[in-house]
Amino acid sequence: MNTAIVADQLTKEISGKKIVNQLSFTINKGEIFGLLGPNGAGKTTTIETILGIKRPNYGTVKILGLDPRKQRREVFEKVGVQLQSSSYQNNIRVGELCREFSSLYRQPRDYQELLELFKLKKFEKQFVEKLSGGEKQKLSILLALIPGPEIIFLDELTTGLDTEARRDVWQTMLKLKKTNLTIFLTTHYMEEAEILCDRIYLIKRGNVVAEGTIPELLVKSSQNNLEDAYLWFVGEEADE
């Protein structure tokens, strides 16, 4: 099976409002799939509904052929997740947190290798709460890779990182892609999407407004770059 994720008519209502409205897409293994849209478009809710954290009001999702709500344990053995807001217990060190995450999985990836990969090795004995925002962001991505996942969800991948750190993470993601890792990415950085994403799925107020490869979106919008194409498709920003 070459399919990683299939969503069919995925719909999620909160307080009577459709936050995610009939979204359908298929993501292939080894693909970097970008979910783009303004603040309030429903990106995080889409991820949470795909993962089974939120129950859809309508529609279905399969992750590697599994139902994320009925087969939660099997899914989370194969999936890594980094969401926008990650909080950790007080007075825990980076290395302790990595060991704690590793203990949750049967065949975890070597976190020492990941610390080196993300240039966090020197912080292994430091308290997590003392890390900078960018360092915490890289740590959250690292933790999502500890399960040795086949799919990783990255919600606002490089928010809080400076330019150099952001580019380091991009290079790491491209290396990981070569291992056939499937990456589901949300981002507000158009340069990031251009460099990383094989395909883009663009939503506004929970509805799909465009999808395709970057060249396809440029042709559809008659624009010269992704940022202009994005603005052409989205228009005004969605409500918060």
Protein backbone atom coordinates (compact mmCIF):
# COMPACT_ATOMS: atom_id res chain seq x y z
CA MET A 1 0.00 0.00 0.00
CA ASN A 2 1.44 3.33 -1.11
CA THR A 3 -1.19 5.45 0.65
CA ALA A 4 -0.41 7.06 4.01
CA ILE A 5 -3.58 9.05 4.78
CA VAL A 6 -7.03 9.15 3.21
CA ALA A 7 -9.61 11.72 4.34
CA ASP A 8 -13.09 11.59 2.86
CA GLN A 9 -15.59 14.42 3.40
CA LEU A 10 -14.02 15.17 6.81
CA THR A 11 -16.26 17.55 8.75
CA LYS A 12 -15.99 18.90 12.29
CA GLU A 13 -18.46 21.24 13.96
CA ILE A 14 -17.82 23.12 17.20
CA SER A 15 -20.73 24.98 18.85
CA GLY A 16 -22.75 24.60 15.67
CA LYS A 17 -20.05 26.12 13.45
CA LYS A 18 -18.29 24.05 10.79
CA ILE A 19 -14.59 24.45 11.55
CA VAL A 20 -13.65 21.74 9.03
CA ASN A 21 -16.04 21.30 6.13
CA GLN A 22 -16.04 18.23 3.86
CA LEU A 23 -12.28 18.04 3.32
CA SER A 24 -11.12 15.15 1.13
CA PHE A 25 -7.54 14.30 0.20
CA THR A 26 -5.11 11.42 -0.20
CA ILE A 27 -1.48 11.60 0.94
CA ASN A 28 1.07 9.15 -0.43
CA LYS A 29 3.88 7.58 1.55
CA GLY A 30 7.09 9.60 1.46
CA GLU A 31 5.26 12.79 0.52
CA ILE A 32 5.50 16.19 2.22
CA PHE A 33 1.93 17.48 2.24
CA GLY A 34 1.33 21.12 3.16
CA LEU A 35 -1.94 22.27 4.73
CA LEU A 36 -1.99 26.05 4.36
CA GLY A 37 -4.46 28.73 5.32
CA PRO A 38 -4.81 31.91 7.39
CA ASN A 39 -5.27 31.97 11.16
CA GLY A 40 -8.65 30.49 12.03
CA ALA A 41 -8.86 28.48 8.81
CA GLY A 42 -9.16 25.17 10.68
CA LYS A 43 -5.69 23.71 10.17
CA THR A 44 -5.07 22.53 13.73
CA THR A 45 -8.63 21.19 14.05
CA THR A 46 -8.10 19.28 10.80
CA ILE A 47 -4.98 17.61 12.24
CA GLU A 48 -6.73 16.82 15.53
CA THR A 49 -9.68 15.30 13.68
CA ILE A 50 -7.42 13.24 11.42
CA LEU A 51 -5.63 11.89 14.49
CA GLY A 52 -8.88 11.05 16.27
CA ILE A 53 -8.23 13.57 19.05
CA LYS A 54 -11.51 15.17 17.98
CA ARG A 55 -14.40 13.07 16.69
CA PRO A 56 -15.60 14.12 13.22
CA ASN A 57 -19.28 14.95 12.82
CA TYR A 58 -19.14 13.44 9.37
CA GLY A 59 -16.66 11.76 7.07
CA THR A 60 -13.89 9.21 7.54
CA VAL A 61 -10.13 9.05 7.94
CA LYS A 62 -7.70 6.19 7.50
CA ILE A 63 -4.04 6.40 8.56
CA LEU A 64 -1.98 3.61 7.02
CA GLY A 65 -5.26 1.75 6.57
CA LEU A 66 -6.17 2.13 10.26
CA ASP A 67 -9.06 3.95 11.92
CA PRO A 68 -7.43 6.50 14.28
CA ARG A 69 -10.30 6.36 16.77
CA LYS A 70 -10.88 2.59 16.85
CA GLN A 71 -7.21 1.61 16.49
CA ARG A 72 -5.60 4.43 18.45
CA ARG A 73 -2.70 2.44 19.90
CA GLU A 74 -1.70 0.95 16.54
CA VAL A 75 -1.88 4.38 14.90
CA PHE A 76 0.22 6.12 17.52
CA GLU A 77 2.92 3.48 17.23
CA LYS A 78 3.31 4.62 13.62
CA VAL A 79 2.74 8.38 13.95
CA GLY A 80 4.70 11.27 15.45
CA VAL A 81 2.96 14.53 16.38
CA GLN A 82 4.20 18.05 17.07
CA LEU A 83 1.34 20.44 17.77
CA GLN A 84 1.52 24.23 18.16
CA SER A 85 1.14 24.24 21.93
CA SER A 86 3.32 21.76 23.76
CA SER A 87 3.67 21.90 27.54
CA TYR A 88 5.88 19.74 29.73
CA GLN A 89 6.07 19.16 33.47
CA ASN A 90 8.15 21.54 35.54
CA ASN A 91 11.71 20.71 36.61
CA ILE A 92 12.37 18.10 33.93
CA ARG A 93 15.60 18.07 31.96
CA VAL A 94 15.85 17.58 28.22
CA GLY A 95 17.46 14.15 28.52
CA GLU A 96 14.90 13.02 31.11
CA LEU A 97 12.05 14.07 28.82
CA CYS A 98 13.59 12.18 25.90
CA ARG A 99 13.96 9.03 28.03
CA GLU A 100 10.37 9.38 29.26
CA PHE A 101 9.06 9.60 25.69
CA SER A 102 11.24 6.70 24.60
CA SER A 103 9.75 4.48 27.32
CA LEU A 104 6.29 4.84 25.74
CA TYR A 105 7.24 2.98 22.56
CA ARG A 106 8.33 -0.56 21.79
CA GLN A 107 11.02 0.40 19.31
CA PRO A 108 11.92 4.04 19.88
CA ARG A 109 14.48 5.84 17.81
CA ASP A 110 17.81 6.63 19.52
CA TYR A 111 17.16 10.02 21.09
CA GLN A 112 20.90 10.67 21.40
CA GLU A 113 21.10 10.56 17.62
CA LEU A 114 18.19 12.99 17.40
CA LEU A 115 19.79 15.38 19.90
CA GLU A 116 22.83 15.51 17.63
CA LEU A 117 20.67 15.91 14.53
CA PHE A 118 18.84 18.92 15.97
CA LYS A 119 21.96 20.38 17.63
CA LEU A 120 20.46 20.00 21.11
CA LYS A 121 23.04 17.64 22.59
CA LYS A 122 24.60 20.39 24.71
CA PHE A 123 21.21 20.99 26.36
CA GLU A 124 20.68 17.39 27.46
CA LYS A 125 21.10 18.21 31.18
CA GLN A 126 19.33 21.55 31.01
CA PHE A 127 15.81 22.13 32.32
CA VAL A 128 13.30 22.32 29.48
CA GLU A 129 11.76 25.50 30.92
CA LYS A 130 15.14 27.25 30.53
CA LEU A 131 15.31 26.63 26.77
CA SER A 132 14.64 29.45 24.34
CA GLY A 133 11.45 29.38 22.29
CA GLY A 134 13.33 28.14 19.25
CA GLU A 135 15.08 25.40 21.23
CA LYS A 136 11.76 24.24 22.66
CA GLN A 137 10.33 24.10 19.16
CA LYS A 138 13.19 21.92 17.92
CA LEU A 139 12.76 19.70 21.00
CA SER A 140 9.06 19.22 20.23
CA ILE A 141 9.95 18.08 16.70
CA LEU A 142 12.61 15.75 18.11
CA LEU A 143 10.09 14.18 20.50
CA ALA A 144 7.70 13.59 17.60
CA LEU A 145 10.43 11.56 15.89
CA ILE A 146 11.20 9.32 18.88
CA PRO A 147 8.53 6.71 17.97
CA GLY A 148 10.38 6.11 14.70
CA PRO A 149 7.16 7.05 12.90
CA GLU A 150 6.08 6.37 9.34
CA ILE A 151 4.13 9.64 9.39
CA ILE A 152 4.86 12.86 11.26
CA PHE A 153 2.45 15.75 11.81
CA LEU A 154 4.14 19.14 12.20
CA ASP A 155 1.87 22.06 13.10
CA GLU A 156 3.70 25.35 12.46
CA LEU A 157 7.04 23.57 12.12
CA THR A 158 9.47 26.48 12.55
CA THR A 159 7.52 29.11 14.46
CA GLY A 160 9.90 30.79 16.90
CA LEU A 161 13.07 29.78 15.09
CA ASP A 162 15.55 32.30 13.73
CA THR A 163 16.51 32.17 10.05
CA GLU A 164 19.54 29.91 10.53
CA ALA A 165 17.71 27.45 12.80
CA ARG A 166 14.74 27.39 10.43
CA ARG A 167 16.96 26.47 7.49
CA ASP A 168 18.67 23.79 9.59
CA VAL A 169 15.27 22.23 10.29
CA TRP A 170 14.34 22.38 6.60
CA GLN A 171 17.48 20.47 5.67
CA THR A 172 16.72 17.91 8.37
CA MET A 173 13.18 17.45 7.04
CA LEU A 174 14.49 16.91 3.50
CA LYS A 175 16.91 14.28 4.82
CA LEU A 176 14.08 12.55 6.69
CA LYS A 177 11.96 12.55 3.56
CA LYS A 178 14.62 10.46 1.84
CA THR A 179 13.90 7.73 4.42
CA ASN A 180 10.31 7.55 3.01
CA LEU A 181 8.90 9.41 6.02
CA THR A 182 5.53 11.01 5.25
CA ILE A 183 5.30 14.58 6.55
CA PHE A 184 2.02 16.45 7.12
CA LEU A 185 2.94 20.10 7.55
CA THR A 186 1.17 23.35 8.37
CA THR A 187 3.04 26.61 8.03
CA HIS A 188 2.63 30.35 7.54
CA TYR A 189 6.01 30.62 5.82
CA MET A 190 5.57 30.44 2.05
CA GLU A 191 9.30 29.91 1.52
CA GLU A 192 9.10 26.90 3.82
CA ALA A 193 6.20 25.46 1.83
CA GLU A 194 8.02 26.06 -1.47
CA ILE A 195 11.16 24.30 -0.27
CA LEU A 196 9.53 21.36 1.49
CA CYS A 197 6.09 20.57 0.10
CA ASP A 198 5.33 18.19 -2.76
CA ARG A 199 1.67 19.22 -2.70
CA ILE A 200 -0.37 22.01 -1.13
CA TYR A 201 -3.93 21.86 0.22
CA LEU A 202 -5.20 25.38 0.86
CA ILE A 203 -8.18 26.01 3.13
CA LYS A 204 -10.15 29.06 4.25
CA ARG A 205 -12.81 28.96 6.99
CA GLY A 206 -12.65 25.18 6.92
CA ASN A 207 -13.25 24.85 3.18
CA VAL A 208 -10.77 23.82 0.52
CA VAL A 209 -10.05 26.65 -1.94
CA ALA A 210 -7.17 25.12 -3.91
CA GLU A 211 -4.99 22.03 -4.06
CA GLY A 212 -2.12 20.75 -6.15
CA THR A 213 1.61 21.02 -6.66
CA ILE A 214 3.17 24.46 -6.45
CA PRO A 215 3.54 24.73 -10.26
CA GLU A 216 -0.14 23.77 -10.61
CA LEU A 217 -1.21 26.45 -8.12
CA LEU A 218 0.88 29.07 -9.92
CA VAL A 219 -0.79 28.20 -13.22
CA LYS A 220 -4.29 28.23 -11.69
CA SER A 221 -3.71 31.63 -10.08
CA SER A 222 -1.61 33.16 -12.90
CA GLN A 223 0.91 34.25 -10.26
CA ASN A 224 4.71 34.05 -10.27
CA ASN A 225 5.32 32.81 -6.71
CA LEU A 226 3.54 30.89 -3.98
CA GLU A 227 3.02 33.88 -1.71
CA ASP A 228 1.14 35.80 -4.40
CA ALA A 229 -0.79 32.66 -5.36
CA TYR A 230 -1.73 32.11 -1.70
CA LEU A 231 -3.07 35.65 -1.40
CA TRP A 232 -4.92 35.28 -4.70
CA PHE A 233 -6.70 32.14 -3.51
CA VAL A 234 -7.33 33.17 0.10
CA GLY A 235 -8.12 36.86 -0.25
CA GLU A 236 -9.05 38.31 3.13
CA GLU A 237 -7.79 36.46 6.19
CA ALA A 238 -10.15 34.14 7.98
CA ASP A 239 -11.66 35.25 11.27
CA GLU A 240 -9.74 34.30 14.41
